[in-house]
């Protein structure tokens, strides 16, 4: 039975193992470092969730918000559990928690090569904006 719960710092190694199994790139020396994740978990803008099956982490989503808009980040499901609706459950839980905070817009940034993620978000009712350009400025390549 799949259960959704909040990510704990103690889950870090299992989270990284999930991301590796799912082929999700990450920056372990930057924004995905254990200390950074721990700081975000403790902060007021994070909704970091995992899906478990008998205690084993099989899915994750890192939801955040800026007070006006919610963001879906790091959505991953273990390959053995894909196509079972787990991604939709995780995103739906983040959406519900954001709605309870009065946040009515939820967005995700997906690289164009990631057709699997694009298909997931299409299926769960997200609208694709091809007219938006993404800009970023980074202190280092790891952040």
N, C-alpha and C. Protein backbone atom coordinates (compact mmCIF):
# COMPACT_ATOMS: atom_id res chain seq x y z
N UNK A 1 0.84 -1.18 0.00
CA UNK A 1 0.00 0.00 0.00
C UNK A 1 0.89 1.25 0.00
N UNK A 2 0.61 2.17 -0.90
CA UNK A 2 1.38 3.40 -1.01
C UNK A 2 0.87 4.42 0.00
N UNK A 3 1.81 5.00 0.73
CA UNK A 3 1.49 6.05 1.71
C UNK A 3 2.33 7.28 1.38
N UNK A 4 1.77 8.45 1.61
CA UNK A 4 2.48 9.71 1.39
C UNK A 4 2.80 10.31 2.77
N UNK A 5 4.04 10.73 2.95
CA UNK A 5 4.43 11.37 4.21
C UNK A 5 5.48 12.42 3.92
N UNK A 6 5.75 13.24 4.92
CA UNK A 6 6.77 14.27 4.79
C UNK A 6 8.16 13.65 4.80
N UNK A 7 9.03 14.22 3.99
CA UNK A 7 10.42 13.81 3.95
C UNK A 7 11.10 14.21 5.25
N UNK A 8 11.92 13.33 5.78
CA UNK A 8 12.72 13.59 6.98
C UNK A 8 14.19 13.63 6.58
N UNK A 9 15.00 14.34 7.32
CA UNK A 9 16.43 14.40 7.03
C UNK A 9 17.03 13.00 7.01
N UNK A 10 16.53 12.13 7.87
CA UNK A 10 17.03 10.76 7.95
C UNK A 10 16.76 9.97 6.66
N UNK A 11 15.89 10.47 5.80
CA UNK A 11 15.57 9.82 4.53
C UNK A 11 16.55 10.17 3.42
N UNK A 12 17.51 11.03 3.70
CA UNK A 12 18.36 11.59 2.66
C UNK A 12 19.02 10.51 1.78
N UNK A 13 19.66 9.53 2.37
CA UNK A 13 20.33 8.50 1.57
C UNK A 13 19.35 7.73 0.69
N UNK A 14 18.18 7.42 1.23
CA UNK A 14 17.16 6.73 0.44
C UNK A 14 16.63 7.63 -0.68
N UNK A 15 16.53 8.92 -0.40
CA UNK A 15 16.08 9.87 -1.42
C UNK A 15 17.07 9.91 -2.58
N UNK A 16 18.35 10.02 -2.27
CA UNK A 16 19.37 10.04 -3.31
C UNK A 16 19.38 8.72 -4.09
N UNK A 17 19.20 7.60 -3.41
CA UNK A 17 19.13 6.31 -4.08
C UNK A 17 17.92 6.27 -5.04
N UNK A 18 16.80 6.82 -4.61
CA UNK A 18 15.61 6.91 -5.48
C UNK A 18 15.92 7.75 -6.70
N UNK A 19 16.48 8.93 -6.49
CA UNK A 19 16.79 9.79 -7.62
C UNK A 19 17.74 9.11 -8.60
N UNK A 20 18.73 8.40 -8.08
CA UNK A 20 19.66 7.66 -8.95
C UNK A 20 18.92 6.59 -9.74
N UNK A 21 18.07 5.82 -9.06
CA UNK A 21 17.32 4.75 -9.73
C UNK A 21 16.39 5.31 -10.80
N UNK A 22 15.82 6.48 -10.53
CA UNK A 22 14.88 7.09 -11.48
C UNK A 22 15.60 7.89 -12.57
N UNK A 23 16.91 7.99 -12.49
CA UNK A 23 17.67 8.73 -13.50
C UNK A 23 17.54 10.23 -13.37
N UNK A 24 17.22 10.70 -12.17
CA UNK A 24 17.06 12.13 -11.93
C UNK A 24 18.41 12.73 -11.56
N UNK A 25 18.87 13.68 -12.34
CA UNK A 25 20.15 14.31 -12.02
C UNK A 25 20.00 15.14 -10.74
N UNK A 26 21.09 15.30 -10.04
CA UNK A 26 21.07 16.09 -8.82
C UNK A 26 22.46 16.65 -8.55
N UNK A 27 22.50 17.60 -7.64
CA UNK A 27 23.75 18.28 -7.32
C UNK A 27 24.08 18.04 -5.84
N UNK A 28 24.75 16.92 -5.54
CA UNK A 28 25.00 16.55 -4.15
C UNK A 28 25.98 17.48 -3.43
N UNK A 29 26.72 18.30 -4.16
CA UNK A 29 27.66 19.22 -3.52
C UNK A 29 27.09 20.63 -3.46
N UNK A 30 25.86 20.79 -3.92
CA UNK A 30 25.22 22.10 -3.95
C UNK A 30 23.84 22.03 -3.34
N UNK A 31 22.84 22.39 -4.14
CA UNK A 31 21.47 22.51 -3.62
C UNK A 31 20.86 21.20 -3.15
N UNK A 32 21.43 20.08 -3.56
CA UNK A 32 20.90 18.79 -3.12
C UNK A 32 21.75 18.15 -2.03
N UNK A 33 22.65 18.90 -1.44
CA UNK A 33 23.46 18.40 -0.32
C UNK A 33 22.55 18.17 0.89
N UNK A 34 22.89 17.20 1.69
CA UNK A 34 22.10 16.87 2.88
C UNK A 34 21.79 18.10 3.73
N UNK A 35 22.79 18.94 3.98
CA UNK A 35 22.58 20.12 4.82
C UNK A 35 21.60 21.11 4.20
N UNK A 36 21.69 21.26 2.90
CA UNK A 36 20.77 22.17 2.20
C UNK A 36 19.34 21.64 2.28
N UNK A 37 19.17 20.35 2.02
CA UNK A 37 17.84 19.73 2.11
C UNK A 37 17.30 19.87 3.53
N UNK A 38 18.14 19.65 4.53
CA UNK A 38 17.71 19.77 5.94
C UNK A 38 17.25 21.19 6.23
N UNK A 39 17.98 22.17 5.73
CA UNK A 39 17.60 23.57 5.95
C UNK A 39 16.25 23.88 5.29
N UNK A 40 16.04 23.36 4.10
CA UNK A 40 14.77 23.60 3.41
C UNK A 40 13.61 22.90 4.11
N UNK A 41 13.83 21.68 4.58
CA UNK A 41 12.77 20.96 5.31
C UNK A 41 12.31 21.78 6.50
N UNK A 42 13.26 22.39 7.19
CA UNK A 42 12.94 23.17 8.39
C UNK A 42 12.31 24.52 8.07
N UNK A 43 12.41 24.95 6.83
CA UNK A 43 11.91 26.27 6.45
C UNK A 43 10.41 26.29 6.20
N UNK A 44 9.85 27.49 6.09
CA UNK A 44 8.41 27.65 5.96
C UNK A 44 7.86 27.52 4.54
N UNK A 45 8.73 27.39 3.56
CA UNK A 45 8.27 27.41 2.16
C UNK A 45 8.35 26.07 1.47
N UNK A 46 8.62 25.00 2.20
CA UNK A 46 8.84 23.69 1.60
C UNK A 46 7.76 22.69 1.97
N UNK A 47 7.37 21.92 0.97
CA UNK A 47 6.47 20.78 1.16
C UNK A 47 7.19 19.61 0.49
N UNK A 48 8.07 18.97 1.23
CA UNK A 48 8.87 17.88 0.71
C UNK A 48 8.23 16.57 1.14
N UNK A 49 7.80 15.79 0.17
CA UNK A 49 7.04 14.57 0.45
C UNK A 49 7.69 13.36 -0.20
N UNK A 50 7.43 12.20 0.39
CA UNK A 50 7.83 10.93 -0.21
C UNK A 50 6.64 9.99 -0.24
N UNK A 51 6.66 9.11 -1.21
CA UNK A 51 5.70 8.01 -1.28
C UNK A 51 6.44 6.77 -0.81
N UNK A 52 5.81 6.00 0.06
CA UNK A 52 6.45 4.79 0.57
C UNK A 52 5.57 3.57 0.31
N UNK A 53 6.23 2.45 0.20
CA UNK A 53 5.56 1.15 0.10
C UNK A 53 6.18 0.27 1.17
N UNK A 54 5.43 -0.01 2.22
CA UNK A 54 5.94 -0.77 3.36
C UNK A 54 7.24 -0.18 3.90
N UNK A 55 7.28 1.14 3.99
CA UNK A 55 8.43 1.83 4.54
C UNK A 55 9.52 2.18 3.55
N UNK A 56 9.50 1.59 2.37
CA UNK A 56 10.52 1.86 1.35
C UNK A 56 10.11 3.10 0.55
N UNK A 57 11.02 4.05 0.41
CA UNK A 57 10.73 5.25 -0.38
C UNK A 57 10.75 4.89 -1.86
N UNK A 58 9.61 5.13 -2.51
CA UNK A 58 9.46 4.78 -3.93
C UNK A 58 9.12 5.99 -4.79
N UNK A 59 8.91 7.15 -4.16
CA UNK A 59 8.61 8.36 -4.91
C UNK A 59 8.94 9.58 -4.07
N UNK A 60 9.17 10.70 -4.75
CA UNK A 60 9.45 11.95 -4.04
C UNK A 60 8.97 13.14 -4.84
N UNK A 61 8.70 14.21 -4.13
CA UNK A 61 8.43 15.51 -4.74
C UNK A 61 8.89 16.58 -3.76
N UNK A 62 9.55 17.58 -4.28
CA UNK A 62 9.95 18.71 -3.47
C UNK A 62 9.10 19.89 -3.92
N UNK A 63 8.09 20.18 -3.14
CA UNK A 63 7.23 21.32 -3.42
C UNK A 63 7.72 22.53 -2.66
N UNK A 64 7.64 23.70 -3.28
CA UNK A 64 8.02 24.95 -2.64
C UNK A 64 7.02 26.03 -3.03
N UNK A 65 7.13 27.17 -2.37
CA UNK A 65 6.32 28.31 -2.78
C UNK A 65 7.04 29.60 -2.44
N UNK A 66 6.67 30.64 -3.13
CA UNK A 66 7.26 31.96 -2.87
C UNK A 66 6.24 32.92 -2.26
N UNK A 67 5.15 32.36 -1.76
CA UNK A 67 4.09 33.16 -1.17
C UNK A 67 2.99 33.50 -2.16
N UNK A 68 3.29 33.42 -3.46
CA UNK A 68 2.29 33.69 -4.49
C UNK A 68 2.08 32.49 -5.41
N UNK A 69 3.14 31.76 -5.68
CA UNK A 69 3.08 30.65 -6.63
C UNK A 69 3.77 29.44 -6.03
N UNK A 70 3.19 28.27 -6.27
CA UNK A 70 3.80 27.03 -5.84
C UNK A 70 4.61 26.42 -6.96
N UNK A 71 5.60 25.63 -6.58
CA UNK A 71 6.49 24.99 -7.55
C UNK A 71 6.62 23.50 -7.25
N UNK A 72 6.60 22.71 -8.29
CA UNK A 72 6.85 21.27 -8.18
C UNK A 72 8.27 21.03 -8.67
N UNK A 73 9.09 20.44 -7.81
CA UNK A 73 10.48 20.14 -8.13
C UNK A 73 10.78 18.68 -7.78
N UNK A 74 11.76 18.14 -8.47
CA UNK A 74 12.31 16.84 -8.11
C UNK A 74 11.25 15.73 -7.96
N UNK A 75 10.31 15.72 -8.88
CA UNK A 75 9.32 14.65 -8.89
C UNK A 75 9.98 13.40 -9.45
N UNK A 76 9.99 12.34 -8.67
CA UNK A 76 10.63 11.09 -9.10
C UNK A 76 9.85 9.90 -8.56
N UNK A 77 9.78 8.86 -9.37
CA UNK A 77 9.17 7.60 -8.95
C UNK A 77 10.12 6.48 -9.37
N UNK A 78 10.36 5.56 -8.47
CA UNK A 78 11.24 4.43 -8.76
C UNK A 78 10.70 3.69 -9.99
N UNK A 79 11.58 3.27 -10.91
CA UNK A 79 11.12 2.58 -12.12
C UNK A 79 10.19 1.39 -11.87
N UNK A 80 10.40 0.67 -10.77
CA UNK A 80 9.54 -0.48 -10.46
C UNK A 80 8.11 -0.05 -10.09
N UNK A 81 7.90 1.24 -9.82
CA UNK A 81 6.61 1.73 -9.36
C UNK A 81 5.97 2.73 -10.31
N UNK A 82 6.61 2.97 -11.44
CA UNK A 82 6.07 3.94 -12.39
C UNK A 82 4.80 3.40 -13.05
N UNK A 83 3.99 4.34 -13.54
CA UNK A 83 2.73 4.07 -14.23
C UNK A 83 1.67 3.48 -13.29
N UNK A 84 1.76 3.86 -12.02
CA UNK A 84 0.77 3.44 -11.02
C UNK A 84 0.06 4.63 -10.39
N UNK A 85 0.31 5.83 -10.90
CA UNK A 85 -0.35 7.01 -10.37
C UNK A 85 0.34 7.65 -9.18
N UNK A 86 1.54 7.20 -8.84
CA UNK A 86 2.23 7.73 -7.67
C UNK A 86 2.64 9.18 -7.88
N UNK A 87 3.11 9.51 -9.08
CA UNK A 87 3.48 10.91 -9.36
C UNK A 87 2.27 11.81 -9.19
N UNK A 88 1.13 11.39 -9.69
CA UNK A 88 -0.10 12.19 -9.56
C UNK A 88 -0.50 12.34 -8.10
N UNK A 89 -0.33 11.29 -7.30
CA UNK A 89 -0.63 11.37 -5.86
C UNK A 89 0.27 12.39 -5.17
N UNK A 90 1.56 12.34 -5.47
CA UNK A 90 2.50 13.26 -4.85
C UNK A 90 2.20 14.71 -5.24
N UNK A 91 2.00 14.95 -6.52
CA UNK A 91 1.70 16.31 -6.98
C UNK A 91 0.37 16.78 -6.39
N UNK A 92 -0.63 15.90 -6.38
CA UNK A 92 -1.93 16.25 -5.81
C UNK A 92 -1.84 16.65 -4.35
N UNK A 93 -1.01 15.96 -3.59
CA UNK A 93 -0.84 16.31 -2.17
C UNK A 93 -0.19 17.67 -2.02
N UNK A 94 0.82 17.96 -2.84
CA UNK A 94 1.44 19.28 -2.78
C UNK A 94 0.41 20.35 -3.16
N UNK A 95 -0.36 20.10 -4.21
CA UNK A 95 -1.38 21.06 -4.64
C UNK A 95 -2.38 21.34 -3.51
N UNK A 96 -2.82 20.30 -2.82
CA UNK A 96 -3.78 20.47 -1.72
C UNK A 96 -3.18 21.31 -0.59
N UNK A 97 -1.94 21.04 -0.25
CA UNK A 97 -1.30 21.78 0.84
C UNK A 97 -1.08 23.24 0.45
N UNK A 98 -0.72 23.47 -0.81
CA UNK A 98 -0.57 24.84 -1.28
C UNK A 98 -1.91 25.57 -1.29
N UNK A 99 -2.95 24.89 -1.74
CA UNK A 99 -4.28 25.50 -1.76
C UNK A 99 -4.72 25.89 -0.35
N UNK A 100 -4.40 25.06 0.62
CA UNK A 100 -4.75 25.37 2.02
C UNK A 100 -4.03 26.62 2.50
N UNK A 101 -2.93 26.99 1.86
CA UNK A 101 -2.18 28.20 2.20
C UNK A 101 -2.66 29.41 1.38
N UNK A 102 -3.65 29.18 0.52
CA UNK A 102 -4.16 30.26 -0.32
C UNK A 102 -3.39 30.45 -1.61
N UNK A 103 -2.57 29.49 -1.98
CA UNK A 103 -1.79 29.58 -3.21
C UNK A 103 -2.54 28.82 -4.31
N UNK A 104 -2.91 29.57 -5.35
CA UNK A 104 -3.78 29.03 -6.40
C UNK A 104 -3.06 28.71 -7.70
N UNK A 105 -1.79 29.02 -7.81
CA UNK A 105 -1.02 28.73 -9.02
C UNK A 105 0.09 27.76 -8.63
N UNK A 106 0.19 26.68 -9.39
CA UNK A 106 1.26 25.71 -9.17
C UNK A 106 1.94 25.49 -10.52
N UNK A 107 3.25 25.52 -10.54
CA UNK A 107 4.01 25.42 -11.77
C UNK A 107 5.14 24.41 -11.64
N UNK A 108 5.65 23.99 -12.77
CA UNK A 108 6.82 23.11 -12.82
C UNK A 108 7.67 23.52 -14.01
N UNK A 109 8.95 23.52 -13.84
CA UNK A 109 9.88 23.75 -14.93
C UNK A 109 10.45 22.39 -15.35
N UNK A 110 10.28 22.06 -16.63
CA UNK A 110 10.72 20.76 -17.13
C UNK A 110 11.58 20.99 -18.36
N UNK A 111 12.75 20.43 -18.39
CA UNK A 111 13.61 20.57 -19.55
C UNK A 111 12.98 19.85 -20.75
N UNK A 112 13.13 20.45 -21.94
CA UNK A 112 12.41 19.95 -23.12
C UNK A 112 12.77 18.52 -23.51
N UNK A 113 13.94 18.06 -23.13
CA UNK A 113 14.33 16.69 -23.46
C UNK A 113 13.63 15.65 -22.58
N UNK A 114 13.05 16.10 -21.45
CA UNK A 114 12.44 15.20 -20.48
C UNK A 114 10.99 14.92 -20.86
N UNK A 115 10.82 14.13 -21.90
CA UNK A 115 9.49 13.87 -22.44
C UNK A 115 8.61 13.06 -21.49
N UNK A 116 9.21 12.24 -20.65
CA UNK A 116 8.43 11.46 -19.68
C UNK A 116 7.76 12.40 -18.68
N UNK A 117 8.53 13.33 -18.13
CA UNK A 117 7.94 14.29 -17.20
C UNK A 117 6.91 15.17 -17.87
N UNK A 118 7.18 15.58 -19.10
CA UNK A 118 6.21 16.40 -19.83
C UNK A 118 4.90 15.62 -19.97
N UNK A 119 4.98 14.35 -20.29
CA UNK A 119 3.76 13.53 -20.44
C UNK A 119 3.01 13.41 -19.11
N UNK A 120 3.73 13.27 -18.01
CA UNK A 120 3.09 13.19 -16.69
C UNK A 120 2.31 14.46 -16.41
N UNK A 121 2.94 15.61 -16.61
CA UNK A 121 2.27 16.87 -16.31
C UNK A 121 1.13 17.15 -17.27
N UNK A 122 1.27 16.75 -18.53
CA UNK A 122 0.14 16.85 -19.47
C UNK A 122 -1.04 16.04 -18.95
N UNK A 123 -0.76 14.82 -18.51
CA UNK A 123 -1.81 13.91 -18.07
C UNK A 123 -2.54 14.40 -16.83
N UNK A 124 -1.83 15.10 -15.92
CA UNK A 124 -2.48 15.53 -14.68
C UNK A 124 -3.02 16.95 -14.76
N UNK A 125 -3.11 17.49 -15.98
CA UNK A 125 -3.83 18.73 -16.19
C UNK A 125 -3.03 20.01 -16.19
N UNK A 126 -1.72 19.93 -16.30
CA UNK A 126 -0.92 21.14 -16.37
C UNK A 126 -0.87 21.64 -17.82
N UNK A 127 -0.80 22.95 -17.97
CA UNK A 127 -0.74 23.58 -19.28
C UNK A 127 0.69 23.94 -19.61
N UNK A 128 1.11 23.59 -20.80
CA UNK A 128 2.48 23.87 -21.25
C UNK A 128 2.55 25.27 -21.86
N UNK A 129 3.52 26.04 -21.41
CA UNK A 129 3.74 27.40 -21.92
C UNK A 129 5.02 27.40 -22.75
N UNK A 130 4.89 27.42 -24.05
CA UNK A 130 6.06 27.46 -24.91
C UNK A 130 6.56 28.88 -25.14
N UNK A 131 5.84 29.85 -24.62
CA UNK A 131 6.18 31.25 -24.85
C UNK A 131 6.98 31.87 -23.70
N UNK A 132 7.43 31.07 -22.77
CA UNK A 132 8.16 31.56 -21.61
C UNK A 132 9.63 31.18 -21.75
N UNK A 133 10.50 32.11 -21.46
CA UNK A 133 11.94 31.85 -21.46
C UNK A 133 12.42 31.83 -20.02
N UNK A 134 13.21 30.86 -19.69
CA UNK A 134 13.71 30.68 -18.34
C UNK A 134 15.11 31.28 -18.25
N UNK A 135 15.32 32.15 -17.29
CA UNK A 135 16.62 32.74 -17.03
C UNK A 135 17.04 32.38 -15.62
N UNK A 136 18.33 32.18 -15.41
CA UNK A 136 18.81 31.96 -14.06
C UNK A 136 20.20 32.57 -13.93
N UNK A 137 20.55 32.87 -12.71
CA UNK A 137 21.88 33.35 -12.38
C UNK A 137 22.32 32.54 -11.18
N UNK A 138 23.44 31.85 -11.31
CA UNK A 138 23.89 30.93 -10.28
C UNK A 138 25.24 31.34 -9.72
N UNK A 139 25.36 31.20 -8.43
CA UNK A 139 26.63 31.49 -7.75
C UNK A 139 27.70 30.51 -8.24
N UNK A 140 27.32 29.22 -8.34
CA UNK A 140 28.20 28.17 -8.88
C UNK A 140 27.36 27.21 -9.68
N UNK A 141 27.99 26.30 -10.39
CA UNK A 141 27.26 25.30 -11.17
C UNK A 141 26.52 24.30 -10.30
N UNK A 142 26.91 24.18 -9.03
CA UNK A 142 26.30 23.20 -8.13
C UNK A 142 25.02 23.68 -7.47
N UNK A 143 24.69 24.95 -7.55
CA UNK A 143 23.49 25.45 -6.88
C UNK A 143 22.28 25.37 -7.80
